[in-house]
Amino acid sequence: KHLTFASNPSMYKTFSTAMYDRTSEPATWQQLTPALAQHIKEELNTYKMEEMEVHAASRIQ
């Protein structure tokens, strides 16, 4: 595979920041309390250890 760039880039007019808000919503991880983050981590680790299927080639011998 290789990457090429257009020899004639296109420019388009768009709305100004005053007319169009491009900011994103706050990410979920930014709103977690340390206690909730720890709870999620423990729940995920429990799932990985007890329920998640592991491909035979990925198992530690």
N, C-alpha and C. Protein backbone atom coordinates (compact mmCIF):
# COMPACT_ATOMS: atom_id res chain seq x y z
N LYS A 1 0.85 -1.18 0.00
CA LYS A 1 0.00 0.00 0.00
C LYS A 1 0.89 1.24 0.00
N HIS A 2 0.36 2.30 -0.57
CA HIS A 2 1.10 3.56 -0.56
C HIS A 2 0.11 4.72 -0.45
N LEU A 3 0.63 5.84 -0.07
CA LEU A 3 -0.19 7.03 0.17
C LEU A 3 0.20 8.10 -0.83
N THR A 4 -0.80 8.73 -1.44
CA THR A 4 -0.53 9.86 -2.33
C THR A 4 -1.46 11.01 -1.96
N PHE A 5 -1.01 12.21 -2.24
CA PHE A 5 -1.80 13.40 -1.97
C PHE A 5 -2.22 14.03 -3.29
N ALA A 6 -3.37 14.66 -3.29
CA ALA A 6 -3.87 15.32 -4.49
C ALA A 6 -2.94 16.47 -4.85
N SER A 7 -2.68 16.63 -6.14
CA SER A 7 -1.81 17.73 -6.57
C SER A 7 -2.56 19.06 -6.57
N ASN A 8 -3.88 19.00 -6.54
CA ASN A 8 -4.69 20.22 -6.50
C ASN A 8 -5.70 20.14 -5.36
N PRO A 9 -5.30 20.47 -4.13
CA PRO A 9 -6.22 20.36 -2.99
C PRO A 9 -7.42 21.28 -3.14
N SER A 10 -8.56 20.85 -2.63
CA SER A 10 -9.79 21.63 -2.71
C SER A 10 -10.04 22.35 -1.39
N MET A 11 -10.55 23.56 -1.48
CA MET A 11 -10.91 24.35 -0.31
C MET A 11 -12.39 24.70 -0.44
N TYR A 12 -13.12 24.58 0.68
CA TYR A 12 -14.54 24.87 0.68
C TYR A 12 -14.87 25.86 1.79
N LYS A 13 -15.87 26.70 1.54
CA LYS A 13 -16.34 27.61 2.58
C LYS A 13 -17.21 26.81 3.54
N THR A 14 -17.18 27.21 4.81
CA THR A 14 -17.99 26.54 5.81
C THR A 14 -18.51 27.56 6.81
N PHE A 15 -19.27 27.11 7.78
CA PHE A 15 -19.83 28.02 8.78
C PHE A 15 -18.74 28.47 9.75
N SER A 16 -18.89 29.66 10.28
CA SER A 16 -17.95 30.16 11.28
C SER A 16 -18.22 29.49 12.62
N THR A 17 -17.27 29.60 13.55
CA THR A 17 -17.47 29.01 14.88
C THR A 17 -18.63 29.66 15.61
N ALA A 18 -18.95 30.90 15.29
CA ALA A 18 -20.10 31.57 15.91
C ALA A 18 -21.42 30.97 15.43
N MET A 19 -21.43 30.44 14.22
CA MET A 19 -22.66 29.88 13.64
C MET A 19 -22.79 28.38 13.87
N TYR A 20 -21.66 27.68 14.03
CA TYR A 20 -21.69 26.22 14.10
C TYR A 20 -20.74 25.74 15.19
N ASP A 21 -21.30 25.14 16.23
CA ASP A 21 -20.51 24.67 17.37
C ASP A 21 -19.91 23.31 17.04
N ARG A 22 -18.59 23.23 16.95
CA ARG A 22 -17.90 21.99 16.61
C ARG A 22 -17.36 21.24 17.83
N THR A 23 -17.65 21.73 19.02
CA THR A 23 -17.13 21.07 20.21
C THR A 23 -17.88 19.76 20.46
N SER A 24 -17.20 18.80 21.05
CA SER A 24 -17.81 17.50 21.33
C SER A 24 -18.39 17.47 22.74
N GLU A 25 -19.21 16.48 22.96
CA GLU A 25 -19.76 16.26 24.30
C GLU A 25 -18.65 15.71 25.19
N PRO A 26 -18.74 15.92 26.49
CA PRO A 26 -17.71 15.37 27.38
C PRO A 26 -17.68 13.84 27.28
N ALA A 27 -16.49 13.28 27.27
CA ALA A 27 -16.34 11.83 27.20
C ALA A 27 -16.75 11.19 28.53
N THR A 28 -17.25 9.98 28.45
CA THR A 28 -17.72 9.28 29.64
C THR A 28 -16.62 9.14 30.68
N TRP A 29 -15.41 8.80 30.23
CA TRP A 29 -14.32 8.56 31.18
C TRP A 29 -13.97 9.82 31.97
N GLN A 30 -14.28 10.99 31.43
CA GLN A 30 -13.98 12.23 32.14
C GLN A 30 -14.94 12.47 33.30
N GLN A 31 -16.04 11.75 33.33
CA GLN A 31 -17.05 11.96 34.36
C GLN A 31 -17.05 10.87 35.43
N LEU A 32 -16.11 9.91 35.32
CA LEU A 32 -16.08 8.81 36.29
C LEU A 32 -15.45 9.25 37.60
N THR A 33 -16.03 8.79 38.68
CA THR A 33 -15.40 8.98 39.98
C THR A 33 -14.37 7.86 40.14
N PRO A 34 -13.36 8.04 40.97
CA PRO A 34 -12.39 6.96 41.19
C PRO A 34 -13.05 5.66 41.65
N ALA A 35 -14.08 5.77 42.49
CA ALA A 35 -14.77 4.57 42.97
C ALA A 35 -15.49 3.84 41.84
N LEU A 36 -16.15 4.59 40.96
CA LEU A 36 -16.85 3.96 39.85
C LEU A 36 -15.85 3.36 38.86
N ALA A 37 -14.75 4.04 38.62
CA ALA A 37 -13.71 3.50 37.73
C ALA A 37 -13.17 2.19 38.29
N GLN A 38 -12.94 2.13 39.58
CA GLN A 38 -12.44 0.90 40.22
C GLN A 38 -13.47 -0.22 40.10
N HIS A 39 -14.74 0.11 40.31
CA HIS A 39 -15.81 -0.89 40.19
C HIS A 39 -15.86 -1.46 38.77
N ILE A 40 -15.77 -0.61 37.77
CA ILE A 40 -15.80 -1.05 36.37
C ILE A 40 -14.59 -1.94 36.08
N LYS A 41 -13.43 -1.54 36.58
CA LYS A 41 -12.21 -2.32 36.37
C LYS A 41 -12.35 -3.71 36.98
N GLU A 42 -12.86 -3.79 38.20
CA GLU A 42 -13.04 -5.09 38.86
C GLU A 42 -14.05 -5.96 38.12
N GLU A 43 -15.14 -5.35 37.66
CA GLU A 43 -16.16 -6.09 36.93
C GLU A 43 -15.60 -6.64 35.62
N LEU A 44 -14.83 -5.84 34.92
CA LEU A 44 -14.23 -6.27 33.66
C LEU A 44 -13.21 -7.38 33.89
N ASN A 45 -12.38 -7.24 34.91
CA ASN A 45 -11.39 -8.28 35.21
C ASN A 45 -12.05 -9.59 35.62
N THR A 46 -13.14 -9.51 36.37
CA THR A 46 -13.88 -10.72 36.75
C THR A 46 -14.43 -11.41 35.51
N TYR A 47 -15.00 -10.63 34.60
CA TYR A 47 -15.52 -11.19 33.35
C TYR A 47 -14.40 -11.87 32.57
N LYS A 48 -13.25 -11.20 32.46
CA LYS A 48 -12.13 -11.77 31.71
C LYS A 48 -11.65 -13.09 32.32
N MET A 49 -11.59 -13.14 33.64
CA MET A 49 -11.06 -14.33 34.32
C MET A 49 -12.06 -15.49 34.35
N GLU A 50 -13.35 -15.20 34.41
CA GLU A 50 -14.33 -16.25 34.65
C GLU A 50 -15.24 -16.59 33.47
N GLU A 51 -15.47 -15.65 32.56
CA GLU A 51 -16.46 -15.89 31.52
C GLU A 51 -15.93 -15.77 30.10
N MET A 52 -14.96 -14.93 29.88
CA MET A 52 -14.51 -14.64 28.52
C MET A 52 -13.79 -15.85 27.91
N GLU A 53 -14.19 -16.21 26.69
CA GLU A 53 -13.53 -17.31 26.00
C GLU A 53 -12.20 -16.83 25.44
N VAL A 54 -11.19 -17.69 25.57
CA VAL A 54 -9.85 -17.36 25.08
C VAL A 54 -9.49 -18.38 24.01
N HIS A 55 -9.01 -17.89 22.87
CA HIS A 55 -8.61 -18.77 21.78
C HIS A 55 -7.46 -19.66 22.27
N ALA A 56 -7.47 -20.92 21.88
CA ALA A 56 -6.47 -21.88 22.35
C ALA A 56 -5.05 -21.41 22.06
N ALA A 57 -4.82 -20.76 20.93
CA ALA A 57 -3.48 -20.30 20.57
C ALA A 57 -3.03 -19.13 21.44
N SER A 58 -3.95 -18.51 22.16
CA SER A 58 -3.61 -17.37 23.01
C SER A 58 -3.35 -17.76 24.46
N ARG A 59 -3.60 -19.00 24.79
CA ARG A 59 -3.43 -19.46 26.18
C ARG A 59 -1.95 -19.55 26.53
N ILE A 60 -1.64 -19.22 27.79
CA ILE A 60 -0.27 -19.35 28.29
C ILE A 60 -0.03 -20.82 28.60
N GLN A 61 1.05 -21.34 28.09
CA GLN A 61 1.38 -22.77 28.28
C GLN A 61 2.11 -23.00 29.57
